[in-house]
Amino acid sequence: MNKKILLIGGGGHCKVILDSLLQYEDYDISIIDKKENIGKSIMGIKIIGSDDDIARLYSQGYKYAFISLGSIGNPKIRIKLFDMIDKIGFEIPNIIDKSAVISRYAKLQKGIFVGKKSVINSGSVIENGCIINTGAIIEHDCVIKEFVHIASGTVLGGNVTINKNTHIGSNSTIRNNLTIGKNTIIGIASVITKNIGDNKLAYGNPCKEIKKI
C-alpha cells in the first residue's frame, strides 16, 4: 500500500521536491498550499487543502508529511510548520533524489531534502529540516545543523560546520575546517576562507562580514 504524504508548500521548491519524489512509487502524494489554490494541480498533483486542514488530514490517513516550502535566509516559517507536523504525529521522511550520492557512513536526521546530483560524503551529519540543493557537495566530516539551506552548486570542504538556520548562497565555496555561525546569510558565489560569525550577512571573494542581521 502506498504511503499517503502531504507536501506543505506549493511554490517553486515544491516542484523540485516533486520531481525527486515522483521517482519513487511508494507514495500517494497531495499538496497543502494557500486556500485560494485549493483544487489546482502542480505537475499533476492536486492541492487538497491549506494549513488549517493538516490535522484533519492526518486523522484521515495521511501519516507522512514534508515541508516543501523553500527559504532564502529566514527559515522561520519552515521551522514553525515542521514543529507543527511533528507535534501532530506525522512521520517526516527524507526526500533524496535518486541521482544524489550519499555515503553509507553519513548520518541524516529527518525532513531533509537532497537534490539532484548532490554528494554527501562519509562522516558528515545533516540535521533536521535541511535543504541540500541541486549539485551541492558536502565533503567528509561536515556538520550541517538544523534548517540550513545549502544552495545549488555549493562546495563544502572537509570538517566544515554550518550552524542552524543559516543560508549558503548558490555556487559558494567553503574551505575545509571552517565554522559558519547560526542565522547567517552567505551571498551567492562567495569564497569563504575564514570563520563567519552568528547573525551575519557576508559575501564576496574572499567572503567578508558586511553587517549584523
N, C-alpha and C. Protein backbone atom coordinates (compact mmCIF):
# COMPACT_ATOMS: atom_id res chain seq x y z
N MET A 1 0.84 -1.20 0.00
CA MET A 1 0.00 0.00 0.00
C MET A 1 0.87 1.25 0.00
N ASN A 2 0.52 2.23 -0.84
CA ASN A 2 1.29 3.46 -0.92
C ASN A 2 1.14 4.28 0.36
N LYS A 3 2.20 4.99 0.71
CA LYS A 3 2.21 5.87 1.87
C LYS A 3 1.61 7.22 1.48
N LYS A 4 0.61 7.66 2.21
CA LYS A 4 -0.04 8.93 1.91
C LYS A 4 0.77 10.07 2.53
N ILE A 5 1.24 10.99 1.68
CA ILE A 5 2.12 12.05 2.14
C ILE A 5 1.60 13.41 1.70
N LEU A 6 1.71 14.39 2.60
CA LEU A 6 1.39 15.78 2.29
C LEU A 6 2.68 16.56 2.08
N LEU A 7 2.77 17.25 0.96
CA LEU A 7 3.82 18.25 0.76
C LEU A 7 3.25 19.59 1.17
N ILE A 8 3.92 20.28 2.07
CA ILE A 8 3.36 21.51 2.64
C ILE A 8 4.10 22.70 2.06
N GLY A 9 3.43 23.36 1.12
CA GLY A 9 4.00 24.48 0.37
C GLY A 9 4.02 24.16 -1.10
N GLY A 10 3.40 25.03 -1.92
CA GLY A 10 3.22 24.72 -3.33
C GLY A 10 3.95 25.63 -4.29
N GLY A 11 5.09 26.16 -3.89
CA GLY A 11 5.85 27.06 -4.76
C GLY A 11 6.90 26.34 -5.59
N GLY A 12 7.94 27.08 -5.98
CA GLY A 12 8.97 26.53 -6.83
C GLY A 12 9.74 25.39 -6.19
N HIS A 13 10.02 25.51 -4.89
CA HIS A 13 10.75 24.44 -4.20
C HIS A 13 9.93 23.16 -4.19
N CYS A 14 8.62 23.29 -4.11
CA CYS A 14 7.75 22.11 -4.17
C CYS A 14 7.93 21.36 -5.49
N LYS A 15 8.07 22.09 -6.57
CA LYS A 15 8.27 21.45 -7.88
C LYS A 15 9.56 20.63 -7.91
N VAL A 16 10.60 21.18 -7.32
CA VAL A 16 11.89 20.47 -7.27
C VAL A 16 11.76 19.19 -6.45
N ILE A 17 11.09 19.30 -5.30
CA ILE A 17 10.88 18.12 -4.46
C ILE A 17 10.00 17.09 -5.16
N LEU A 18 8.93 17.55 -5.79
CA LEU A 18 8.05 16.63 -6.51
C LEU A 18 8.81 15.86 -7.58
N ASP A 19 9.68 16.55 -8.29
CA ASP A 19 10.43 15.90 -9.37
C ASP A 19 11.26 14.74 -8.82
N SER A 20 11.77 14.89 -7.60
CA SER A 20 12.51 13.80 -6.97
C SER A 20 11.58 12.76 -6.38
N LEU A 21 10.52 13.18 -5.70
CA LEU A 21 9.63 12.24 -5.03
C LEU A 21 8.88 11.35 -6.02
N LEU A 22 8.57 11.90 -7.19
CA LEU A 22 7.84 11.13 -8.20
C LEU A 22 8.68 10.00 -8.79
N GLN A 23 9.98 9.98 -8.48
CA GLN A 23 10.82 8.86 -8.90
C GLN A 23 10.48 7.58 -8.11
N TYR A 24 9.84 7.77 -6.97
CA TYR A 24 9.50 6.65 -6.10
C TYR A 24 8.02 6.30 -6.28
N GLU A 25 7.71 5.03 -6.23
CA GLU A 25 6.34 4.58 -6.49
C GLU A 25 5.56 4.27 -5.22
N ASP A 26 6.19 4.47 -4.05
CA ASP A 26 5.53 4.04 -2.82
C ASP A 26 4.85 5.18 -2.07
N TYR A 27 4.68 6.34 -2.73
CA TYR A 27 3.99 7.46 -2.08
C TYR A 27 2.76 7.87 -2.88
N ASP A 28 1.68 8.13 -2.14
CA ASP A 28 0.46 8.73 -2.68
C ASP A 28 0.52 10.20 -2.24
N ILE A 29 0.77 11.12 -3.17
CA ILE A 29 1.16 12.49 -2.84
C ILE A 29 -0.01 13.45 -2.99
N SER A 30 -0.14 14.36 -2.03
CA SER A 30 -1.03 15.51 -2.14
C SER A 30 -0.29 16.74 -1.63
N ILE A 31 -0.82 17.92 -1.96
CA ILE A 31 -0.14 19.17 -1.62
C ILE A 31 -1.04 20.05 -0.77
N ILE A 32 -0.43 20.72 0.20
CA ILE A 32 -1.08 21.76 1.01
C ILE A 32 -0.52 23.11 0.58
N ASP A 33 -1.40 24.09 0.37
CA ASP A 33 -0.94 25.41 -0.06
C ASP A 33 -1.96 26.46 0.40
N LYS A 34 -1.88 27.66 -0.15
CA LYS A 34 -2.81 28.72 0.20
C LYS A 34 -4.25 28.31 -0.17
N LYS A 35 -5.21 28.83 0.60
CA LYS A 35 -6.61 28.47 0.38
C LYS A 35 -7.07 28.73 -1.05
N GLU A 36 -6.60 29.86 -1.62
CA GLU A 36 -7.06 30.21 -2.97
C GLU A 36 -6.54 29.25 -4.05
N ASN A 37 -5.58 28.39 -3.69
CA ASN A 37 -5.04 27.45 -4.67
C ASN A 37 -5.63 26.05 -4.54
N ILE A 38 -6.52 25.84 -3.55
CA ILE A 38 -7.13 24.52 -3.39
C ILE A 38 -7.89 24.14 -4.66
N GLY A 39 -7.67 22.93 -5.12
CA GLY A 39 -8.30 22.44 -6.35
C GLY A 39 -7.39 22.52 -7.56
N LYS A 40 -6.34 23.34 -7.49
CA LYS A 40 -5.37 23.41 -8.57
C LYS A 40 -4.40 22.23 -8.47
N SER A 41 -3.57 22.08 -9.49
CA SER A 41 -2.60 21.00 -9.51
C SER A 41 -1.21 21.54 -9.82
N ILE A 42 -0.20 20.85 -9.31
CA ILE A 42 1.19 21.14 -9.63
C ILE A 42 1.81 19.85 -10.15
N MET A 43 2.25 19.87 -11.40
CA MET A 43 2.87 18.69 -12.01
C MET A 43 1.98 17.46 -11.86
N GLY A 44 0.65 17.69 -11.97
CA GLY A 44 -0.31 16.60 -11.92
C GLY A 44 -0.72 16.17 -10.53
N ILE A 45 -0.19 16.85 -9.49
CA ILE A 45 -0.51 16.51 -8.10
C ILE A 45 -1.46 17.57 -7.55
N LYS A 46 -2.54 17.14 -6.96
CA LYS A 46 -3.63 18.03 -6.53
C LYS A 46 -3.30 18.76 -5.22
N ILE A 47 -3.67 20.03 -5.15
CA ILE A 47 -3.67 20.80 -3.90
C ILE A 47 -5.01 20.54 -3.22
N ILE A 48 -4.96 19.90 -2.06
CA ILE A 48 -6.21 19.42 -1.45
C ILE A 48 -6.60 20.20 -0.20
N GLY A 49 -5.77 21.14 0.24
CA GLY A 49 -6.13 21.88 1.44
C GLY A 49 -5.11 22.94 1.78
N SER A 50 -5.34 23.63 2.89
CA SER A 50 -4.44 24.66 3.40
C SER A 50 -3.90 24.21 4.75
N ASP A 51 -3.13 25.07 5.39
CA ASP A 51 -2.57 24.74 6.71
C ASP A 51 -3.65 24.35 7.71
N ASP A 52 -4.83 24.95 7.58
CA ASP A 52 -5.93 24.67 8.51
C ASP A 52 -6.43 23.23 8.44
N ASP A 53 -6.10 22.54 7.35
CA ASP A 53 -6.61 21.19 7.13
C ASP A 53 -5.64 20.09 7.53
N ILE A 54 -4.44 20.45 7.95
CA ILE A 54 -3.39 19.44 8.14
C ILE A 54 -3.75 18.43 9.21
N ALA A 55 -4.22 18.89 10.37
CA ALA A 55 -4.57 17.95 11.44
C ALA A 55 -5.71 17.01 11.02
N ARG A 56 -6.70 17.57 10.32
CA ARG A 56 -7.83 16.75 9.85
C ARG A 56 -7.34 15.67 8.87
N LEU A 57 -6.43 16.04 7.99
CA LEU A 57 -5.94 15.09 7.00
C LEU A 57 -5.12 13.98 7.65
N TYR A 58 -4.43 14.32 8.75
CA TYR A 58 -3.72 13.28 9.50
C TYR A 58 -4.71 12.23 10.00
N SER A 59 -5.84 12.69 10.52
CA SER A 59 -6.84 11.77 11.04
C SER A 59 -7.51 10.96 9.93
N GLN A 60 -7.37 11.44 8.69
CA GLN A 60 -7.97 10.74 7.54
C GLN A 60 -6.97 9.84 6.82
N GLY A 61 -5.79 9.65 7.43
CA GLY A 61 -4.89 8.64 6.88
C GLY A 61 -3.60 9.14 6.27
N TYR A 62 -3.41 10.45 6.24
CA TYR A 62 -2.12 10.97 5.77
C TYR A 62 -1.15 10.93 6.94
N LYS A 63 -0.27 9.95 6.94
CA LYS A 63 0.62 9.75 8.09
C LYS A 63 2.03 10.29 7.84
N TYR A 64 2.30 10.75 6.62
CA TYR A 64 3.60 11.32 6.28
C TYR A 64 3.41 12.76 5.83
N ALA A 65 4.37 13.60 6.16
CA ALA A 65 4.33 14.99 5.71
C ALA A 65 5.75 15.50 5.55
N PHE A 66 5.91 16.48 4.66
CA PHE A 66 7.23 17.03 4.36
C PHE A 66 7.07 18.51 4.03
N ILE A 67 7.96 19.33 4.56
CA ILE A 67 7.90 20.77 4.31
C ILE A 67 8.52 21.06 2.95
N SER A 68 7.67 21.46 2.00
CA SER A 68 8.14 21.76 0.64
C SER A 68 8.14 23.26 0.37
N LEU A 69 8.03 24.04 1.43
CA LEU A 69 8.22 25.49 1.35
C LEU A 69 9.71 25.78 1.41
N GLY A 70 10.22 26.54 0.46
CA GLY A 70 11.63 26.88 0.44
C GLY A 70 11.96 28.01 1.40
N SER A 71 13.24 28.36 1.48
CA SER A 71 13.65 29.51 2.28
C SER A 71 14.94 30.09 1.72
N ILE A 72 15.02 31.40 1.74
CA ILE A 72 16.26 32.09 1.39
C ILE A 72 16.56 33.03 2.54
N GLY A 73 17.31 32.55 3.50
CA GLY A 73 17.79 33.42 4.56
C GLY A 73 17.00 33.41 5.84
N ASN A 74 15.73 33.02 5.80
CA ASN A 74 14.94 33.01 7.03
C ASN A 74 14.01 31.80 7.02
N PRO A 75 14.39 30.74 7.72
CA PRO A 75 13.57 29.52 7.72
C PRO A 75 12.48 29.50 8.78
N LYS A 76 12.12 30.65 9.32
CA LYS A 76 11.19 30.71 10.46
C LYS A 76 9.88 29.98 10.16
N ILE A 77 9.31 30.20 8.97
CA ILE A 77 8.03 29.54 8.65
C ILE A 77 8.24 28.04 8.48
N ARG A 78 9.33 27.64 7.87
CA ARG A 78 9.64 26.21 7.74
C ARG A 78 9.72 25.54 9.11
N ILE A 79 10.39 26.22 10.04
CA ILE A 79 10.54 25.67 11.39
C ILE A 79 9.18 25.53 12.07
N LYS A 80 8.35 26.56 11.94
CA LYS A 80 7.01 26.53 12.56
C LYS A 80 6.19 25.36 12.01
N LEU A 81 6.21 25.19 10.69
CA LEU A 81 5.45 24.10 10.07
C LEU A 81 6.01 22.74 10.46
N PHE A 82 7.33 22.62 10.49
CA PHE A 82 7.98 21.37 10.88
C PHE A 82 7.57 20.97 12.29
N ASP A 83 7.64 21.94 13.21
CA ASP A 83 7.27 21.65 14.60
C ASP A 83 5.80 21.25 14.70
N MET A 84 4.95 21.87 13.87
CA MET A 84 3.52 21.56 13.91
C MET A 84 3.26 20.12 13.47
N ILE A 85 3.83 19.72 12.33
CA ILE A 85 3.55 18.36 11.84
C ILE A 85 4.20 17.31 12.74
N ASP A 86 5.32 17.65 13.34
CA ASP A 86 5.96 16.74 14.27
C ASP A 86 5.08 16.53 15.51
N LYS A 87 4.50 17.61 16.01
CA LYS A 87 3.64 17.54 17.19
C LYS A 87 2.36 16.76 16.90
N ILE A 88 1.81 16.95 15.69
CA ILE A 88 0.59 16.22 15.32
C ILE A 88 0.85 14.72 15.29
N GLY A 89 2.06 14.34 14.90
CA GLY A 89 2.41 12.92 14.88
C GLY A 89 2.80 12.37 13.52
N PHE A 90 2.88 13.23 12.52
CA PHE A 90 3.30 12.79 11.19
C PHE A 90 4.71 12.19 11.24
N GLU A 91 4.94 11.19 10.41
CA GLU A 91 6.30 10.77 10.11
C GLU A 91 6.86 11.75 9.08
N ILE A 92 8.09 12.20 9.30
CA ILE A 92 8.72 13.19 8.42
C ILE A 92 9.91 12.51 7.76
N PRO A 93 9.76 12.08 6.51
CA PRO A 93 10.84 11.35 5.86
C PRO A 93 11.92 12.28 5.31
N ASN A 94 12.98 11.71 4.82
CA ASN A 94 13.91 12.44 3.97
C ASN A 94 13.53 12.16 2.52
N ILE A 95 13.65 13.18 1.69
CA ILE A 95 13.41 13.02 0.25
C ILE A 95 14.73 13.23 -0.46
N ILE A 96 15.20 12.18 -1.10
CA ILE A 96 16.54 12.16 -1.69
C ILE A 96 16.42 11.80 -3.16
N ASP A 97 16.84 12.70 -4.03
CA ASP A 97 16.81 12.40 -5.45
C ASP A 97 17.68 11.17 -5.75
N LYS A 98 17.21 10.35 -6.67
CA LYS A 98 17.93 9.10 -6.97
C LYS A 98 19.31 9.34 -7.57
N SER A 99 19.55 10.55 -8.08
CA SER A 99 20.87 10.84 -8.65
C SER A 99 21.87 11.32 -7.60
N ALA A 100 21.40 11.60 -6.38
CA ALA A 100 22.30 12.04 -5.31
C ALA A 100 23.16 10.87 -4.83
N VAL A 101 24.33 11.20 -4.30
CA VAL A 101 25.26 10.19 -3.79
C VAL A 101 25.48 10.48 -2.31
N ILE A 102 25.06 9.55 -1.46
CA ILE A 102 25.19 9.73 -0.02
C ILE A 102 25.95 8.54 0.56
N SER A 103 27.04 8.84 1.23
CA SER A 103 27.84 7.79 1.85
C SER A 103 27.01 7.03 2.88
N ARG A 104 27.23 5.74 2.96
CA ARG A 104 26.57 4.94 4.00
C ARG A 104 27.12 5.29 5.38
N TYR A 105 28.20 6.04 5.41
CA TYR A 105 28.80 6.47 6.68
C TYR A 105 28.41 7.90 7.04
N ALA A 106 27.53 8.51 6.27
CA ALA A 106 26.95 9.81 6.64
C ALA A 106 25.71 9.55 7.49
N LYS A 107 25.33 10.53 8.32
CA LYS A 107 24.16 10.41 9.17
C LYS A 107 23.18 11.54 8.84
N LEU A 108 21.95 11.16 8.53
CA LEU A 108 20.90 12.13 8.22
C LEU A 108 19.77 11.99 9.23
N GLN A 109 19.33 13.11 9.79
CA GLN A 109 18.17 13.09 10.68
C GLN A 109 16.90 13.06 9.83
N LYS A 110 15.92 13.93 10.03
CA LYS A 110 14.67 13.80 9.28
C LYS A 110 14.25 15.13 8.65
N GLY A 111 13.37 15.02 7.65
CA GLY A 111 12.86 16.20 6.98
C GLY A 111 13.86 16.87 6.07
N ILE A 112 14.83 16.13 5.58
CA ILE A 112 15.92 16.66 4.76
C ILE A 112 15.62 16.43 3.29
N PHE A 113 15.86 17.46 2.47
CA PHE A 113 15.79 17.29 1.02
C PHE A 113 17.20 17.30 0.46
N VAL A 114 17.51 16.30 -0.37
CA VAL A 114 18.80 16.22 -1.05
C VAL A 114 18.51 16.19 -2.55
N GLY A 115 18.94 17.24 -3.25
CA GLY A 115 18.59 17.41 -4.66
C GLY A 115 19.47 16.66 -5.63
N LYS A 116 19.17 16.84 -6.89
CA LYS A 116 19.83 16.14 -7.98
C LYS A 116 21.35 16.31 -7.96
N LYS A 117 22.04 15.18 -8.08
CA LYS A 117 23.50 15.11 -8.23
C LYS A 117 24.26 15.75 -7.07
N SER A 118 23.60 15.86 -5.92
CA SER A 118 24.31 16.30 -4.72
C SER A 118 25.12 15.14 -4.16
N VAL A 119 26.15 15.49 -3.38
CA VAL A 119 27.03 14.49 -2.76
C VAL A 119 27.16 14.81 -1.27
N ILE A 120 26.97 13.79 -0.44
CA ILE A 120 27.23 13.91 1.00
C ILE A 120 28.20 12.79 1.36
N ASN A 121 29.41 13.18 1.76
CA ASN A 121 30.46 12.19 1.95
C ASN A 121 30.55 11.67 3.38
N SER A 122 31.42 10.70 3.57
CA SER A 122 31.48 9.94 4.82
C SER A 122 31.78 10.81 6.03
N GLY A 123 31.15 10.46 7.13
CA GLY A 123 31.36 11.15 8.38
C GLY A 123 30.55 12.41 8.56
N SER A 124 29.84 12.85 7.54
CA SER A 124 29.05 14.08 7.64
C SER A 124 27.72 13.82 8.33
N VAL A 125 27.23 14.83 9.03
CA VAL A 125 25.97 14.77 9.75
C VAL A 125 25.07 15.90 9.26
N ILE A 126 23.86 15.55 8.83
CA ILE A 126 22.89 16.53 8.36
C ILE A 126 21.69 16.47 9.32
N GLU A 127 21.39 17.60 9.96
CA GLU A 127 20.34 17.61 10.97
C GLU A 127 18.97 17.95 10.36
N ASN A 128 17.94 17.98 11.20
CA ASN A 128 16.55 18.10 10.77
C ASN A 128 16.30 19.31 9.86
N GLY A 129 15.48 19.07 8.84
CA GLY A 129 14.91 20.15 8.06
C GLY A 129 15.84 20.85 7.09
N CYS A 130 17.01 20.27 6.83
CA CYS A 130 17.97 20.93 5.94
C CYS A 130 17.59 20.75 4.47
N ILE A 131 18.04 21.69 3.66
CA ILE A 131 17.95 21.60 2.20
C ILE A 131 19.36 21.52 1.66
N ILE A 132 19.67 20.42 0.99
CA ILE A 132 20.95 20.26 0.29
C ILE A 132 20.57 20.27 -1.19
N ASN A 133 20.71 21.43 -1.81
CA ASN A 133 20.09 21.63 -3.11
C ASN A 133 20.94 21.11 -4.26
N THR A 134 20.43 21.28 -5.46
CA THR A 134 20.97 20.67 -6.67
C THR A 134 22.48 20.84 -6.79
N GLY A 135 23.18 19.72 -6.93
CA GLY A 135 24.60 19.75 -7.22
C GLY A 135 25.51 20.20 -6.09
N ALA A 136 24.99 20.30 -4.88
CA ALA A 136 25.84 20.69 -3.74
C ALA A 136 26.75 19.52 -3.36
N ILE A 137 27.94 19.86 -2.86
CA ILE A 137 28.90 18.85 -2.41
C ILE A 137 29.25 19.11 -0.95
N ILE A 138 28.94 18.12 -0.11
CA ILE A 138 29.27 18.17 1.31
C ILE A 138 30.38 17.14 1.52
N GLU A 139 31.59 17.62 1.76
CA GLU A 139 32.71 16.70 1.90
C GLU A 139 32.69 16.01 3.26
N HIS A 140 33.71 15.22 3.52
CA HIS A 140 33.76 14.36 4.71
C HIS A 140 33.70 15.16 6.02
N ASP A 141 33.04 14.59 7.00
CA ASP A 141 33.05 15.06 8.39
C ASP A 141 32.49 16.47 8.57
N CYS A 142 31.61 16.89 7.70
CA CYS A 142 30.92 18.17 7.90
C CYS A 142 29.74 17.98 8.84
N VAL A 143 29.36 19.05 9.53
CA VAL A 143 28.17 19.05 10.38
C VAL A 143 27.27 20.19 9.92
N ILE A 144 26.09 19.85 9.46
CA ILE A 144 25.12 20.82 8.96
C ILE A 144 23.96 20.82 9.95
N LYS A 145 23.83 21.90 10.69
CA LYS A 145 22.84 21.97 11.76
C LYS A 145 21.43 22.20 11.21
N GLU A 146 20.44 22.21 12.09
CA GLU A 146 19.02 22.25 11.70
C GLU A 146 18.67 23.44 10.81
N PHE A 147 17.87 23.15 9.79
CA PHE A 147 17.23 24.14 8.92
C PHE A 147 18.23 25.02 8.16
N VAL A 148 19.39 24.47 7.89
CA VAL A 148 20.35 25.11 7.00
C VAL A 148 19.93 24.84 5.55
N HIS A 149 20.14 25.83 4.69
CA HIS A 149 19.94 25.66 3.25
C HIS A 149 21.29 25.81 2.56
N ILE A 150 21.78 24.72 2.00
CA ILE A 150 22.99 24.75 1.17
C ILE A 150 22.50 24.84 -0.27
N ALA A 151 22.62 26.01 -0.86
CA ALA A 151 22.02 26.24 -2.18
C ALA A 151 22.83 25.58 -3.30
N SER A 152 22.22 25.58 -4.47
CA SER A 152 22.73 24.81 -5.62
C SER A 152 24.18 25.13 -5.95
N GLY A 153 24.95 24.07 -6.21
CA GLY A 153 26.31 24.23 -6.69
C GLY A 153 27.35 24.59 -5.64
N THR A 154 26.97 24.62 -4.38
CA THR A 154 27.89 24.99 -3.32
C THR A 154 28.78 23.81 -2.95
N VAL A 155 30.04 24.12 -2.60
CA VAL A 155 31.01 23.09 -2.23
C VAL A 155 31.55 23.37 -0.83
N LEU A 156 31.42 22.38 0.06
CA LEU A 156 31.98 22.46 1.40
C LEU A 156 33.17 21.52 1.48
N GLY A 157 34.34 22.05 1.88
CA GLY A 157 35.48 21.19 2.15
C GLY A 157 35.24 20.35 3.39
N GLY A 158 36.17 19.48 3.71
CA GLY A 158 36.01 18.61 4.86
C GLY A 158 36.01 19.35 6.18
N ASN A 159 35.31 18.77 7.17
CA ASN A 159 35.29 19.29 8.55
C ASN A 159 34.71 20.71 8.66
N VAL A 160 33.76 21.04 7.82
CA VAL A 160 33.07 22.34 7.91
C VAL A 160 31.84 22.17 8.79
N THR A 161 31.58 23.15 9.65
CA THR A 161 30.36 23.19 10.45
C THR A 161 29.53 24.40 10.03
N ILE A 162 28.26 24.16 9.71
CA ILE A 162 27.32 25.23 9.40
C ILE A 162 26.26 25.21 10.49
N ASN A 163 26.17 26.28 11.26
CA ASN A 163 25.23 26.30 12.38
C ASN A 163 23.81 26.63 11.93
N LYS A 164 22.85 26.41 12.82
CA LYS A 164 21.43 26.32 12.46
C LYS A 164 20.90 27.60 11.80
N ASN A 165 19.93 27.37 10.91
CA ASN A 165 19.14 28.42 10.26
C ASN A 165 19.92 29.27 9.26
N THR A 166 21.11 28.84 8.90
CA THR A 166 21.97 29.62 8.00
C THR A 166 21.71 29.25 6.54
N HIS A 167 21.89 30.24 5.67
CA HIS A 167 21.73 30.06 4.23
C HIS A 167 23.08 30.29 3.54
N ILE A 168 23.50 29.30 2.75
CA ILE A 168 24.72 29.42 1.97
C ILE A 168 24.34 29.57 0.52
N GLY A 169 24.64 30.74 -0.07
CA GLY A 169 24.19 31.05 -1.42
C GLY A 169 24.80 30.17 -2.50
N SER A 170 24.11 30.10 -3.62
CA SER A 170 24.49 29.23 -4.74
C SER A 170 25.94 29.46 -5.17
N ASN A 171 26.59 28.35 -5.53
CA ASN A 171 27.94 28.36 -6.09
C ASN A 171 28.99 28.95 -5.16
N SER A 172 28.74 28.89 -3.87
CA SER A 172 29.75 29.31 -2.90
C SER A 172 30.71 28.15 -2.61
N THR A 173 31.89 28.50 -2.12
CA THR A 173 32.90 27.51 -1.76
C THR A 173 33.40 27.82 -0.35
N ILE A 174 33.43 26.80 0.50
CA ILE A 174 33.87 26.97 1.88
C ILE A 174 35.09 26.10 2.12
N ARG A 175 36.19 26.72 2.51
CA ARG A 175 37.43 26.00 2.79
C ARG A 175 37.23 25.01 3.94
N ASN A 176 38.02 23.96 3.94
CA ASN A 176 37.92 22.96 5.00
C ASN A 176 38.23 23.54 6.38
N ASN A 177 37.67 22.88 7.40
CA ASN A 177 37.92 23.19 8.82
C ASN A 177 37.38 24.53 9.28
N LEU A 178 36.39 25.08 8.60
CA LEU A 178 35.81 26.36 8.99
C LEU A 178 34.45 26.17 9.67
N THR A 179 34.02 27.22 10.38
CA THR A 179 32.71 27.24 11.03
C THR A 179 31.96 28.49 10.59
N ILE A 180 30.70 28.29 10.18
CA ILE A 180 29.80 29.39 9.83
C ILE A 180 28.74 29.47 10.92
N GLY A 181 28.48 30.68 11.43
CA GLY A 181 27.58 30.86 12.56
C GLY A 181 26.12 30.60 12.23
N LYS A 182 25.29 30.68 13.25
CA LYS A 182 23.85 30.48 13.11
C LYS A 182 23.17 31.75 12.59
N ASN A 183 22.01 31.58 11.95
CA ASN A 183 21.19 32.71 11.47
C ASN A 183 21.97 33.65 10.56
N THR A 184 22.86 33.09 9.77
CA THR A 184 23.74 33.87 8.90
C THR A 184 23.37 33.65 7.44
N ILE A 185 23.60 34.65 6.62
CA ILE A 185 23.38 34.54 5.17
C ILE A 185 24.70 34.78 4.46
N ILE A 186 25.09 33.81 3.64
CA ILE A 186 26.27 33.94 2.78
C ILE A 186 25.77 34.17 1.36
N GLY A 187 26.18 35.27 0.74
CA GLY A 187 25.73 35.61 -0.61
C GLY A 187 26.24 34.66 -1.67
N ILE A 188 25.62 34.73 -2.84
CA ILE A 188 25.96 33.80 -3.92
C ILE A 188 27.41 33.94 -4.36
N ALA A 189 27.98 32.81 -4.77
CA ALA A 189 29.33 32.74 -5.35
C ALA A 189 30.40 33.29 -4.42
N SER A 190 30.19 33.17 -3.13
CA SER A 190 31.19 33.63 -2.17
C SER A 190 32.27 32.57 -1.98
N VAL A 191 33.47 33.02 -1.66
CA VAL A 191 34.59 32.13 -1.36
C VAL A 191 34.98 32.38 0.09
N ILE A 192 34.67 31.41 0.95
CA ILE A 192 34.84 31.59 2.39
C ILE A 192 36.15 30.95 2.81
N THR A 193 37.07 31.78 3.33
CA THR A 193 38.40 31.31 3.71
C THR A 193 38.68 31.48 5.20
N LYS A 194 37.69 32.02 5.94
CA LYS A 194 37.84 32.14 7.39
C LYS A 194 36.46 32.01 8.03
N ASN A 195 36.44 31.78 9.33
CA ASN A 195 35.18 31.61 10.05
C ASN A 195 34.30 32.84 9.92
N ILE A 196 32.97 32.60 9.86
CA ILE A 196 31.98 33.66 9.82
C ILE A 196 31.10 33.53 11.06
N GLY A 197 30.78 34.66 11.72
CA GLY A 197 30.06 34.62 12.99
C GLY A 197 28.56 34.43 12.85
N ASP A 198 27.89 34.48 14.01
CA ASP A 198 26.43 34.38 14.07
C ASP A 198 25.78 35.67 13.57
N ASN A 199 24.57 35.51 12.99
CA ASN A 199 23.72 36.66 12.65
C ASN A 199 24.43 37.66 11.73
N LYS A 200 25.12 37.14 10.72
CA LYS A 200 25.87 37.99 9.81
C LYS A 200 25.35 37.89 8.38
N LEU A 201 25.43 38.98 7.66
CA LEU A 201 25.36 38.96 6.20
C LEU A 201 26.78 39.06 5.70
N ALA A 202 27.19 38.09 4.90
CA ALA A 202 28.57 38.05 4.41
C ALA A 202 28.57 37.61 2.96
N TYR A 203 29.48 38.16 2.18
CA TYR A 203 29.60 37.74 0.78
C TYR A 203 30.91 38.24 0.20
N GLY A 204 31.20 37.72 -1.00
CA GLY A 204 32.37 38.19 -1.74
C GLY A 204 33.46 37.13 -1.87
N ASN A 205 34.51 37.51 -2.59
CA ASN A 205 35.69 36.67 -2.81
C ASN A 205 36.95 37.51 -2.57
N PRO A 206 37.55 37.37 -1.36
CA PRO A 206 37.15 36.49 -0.28
C PRO A 206 35.92 37.01 0.45
N CYS A 207 35.18 36.10 1.08
CA CYS A 207 33.95 36.46 1.77
C CYS A 207 34.26 37.30 3.01
N LYS A 208 33.50 38.39 3.17
CA LYS A 208 33.66 39.28 4.32
C LYS A 208 32.32 39.52 4.99
N GLU A 209 32.36 39.65 6.32
CA GLU A 209 31.15 40.02 7.07
C GLU A 209 30.81 41.46 6.74
N ILE A 210 29.58 41.70 6.27
CA ILE A 210 29.15 43.03 5.83
C ILE A 210 28.40 43.76 6.94
N LYS A 211 27.46 43.03 7.56
CA LYS A 211 26.68 43.66 8.65
C LYS A 211 26.03 42.59 9.49
N LYS A 212 25.51 43.00 10.64
CA LYS A 212 24.76 42.12 11.50
C LYS A 212 23.31 42.09 11.06
N ILE A 213 22.69 40.93 11.14
CA ILE A 213 21.28 40.80 10.76
C ILE A 213 20.50 40.15 11.89
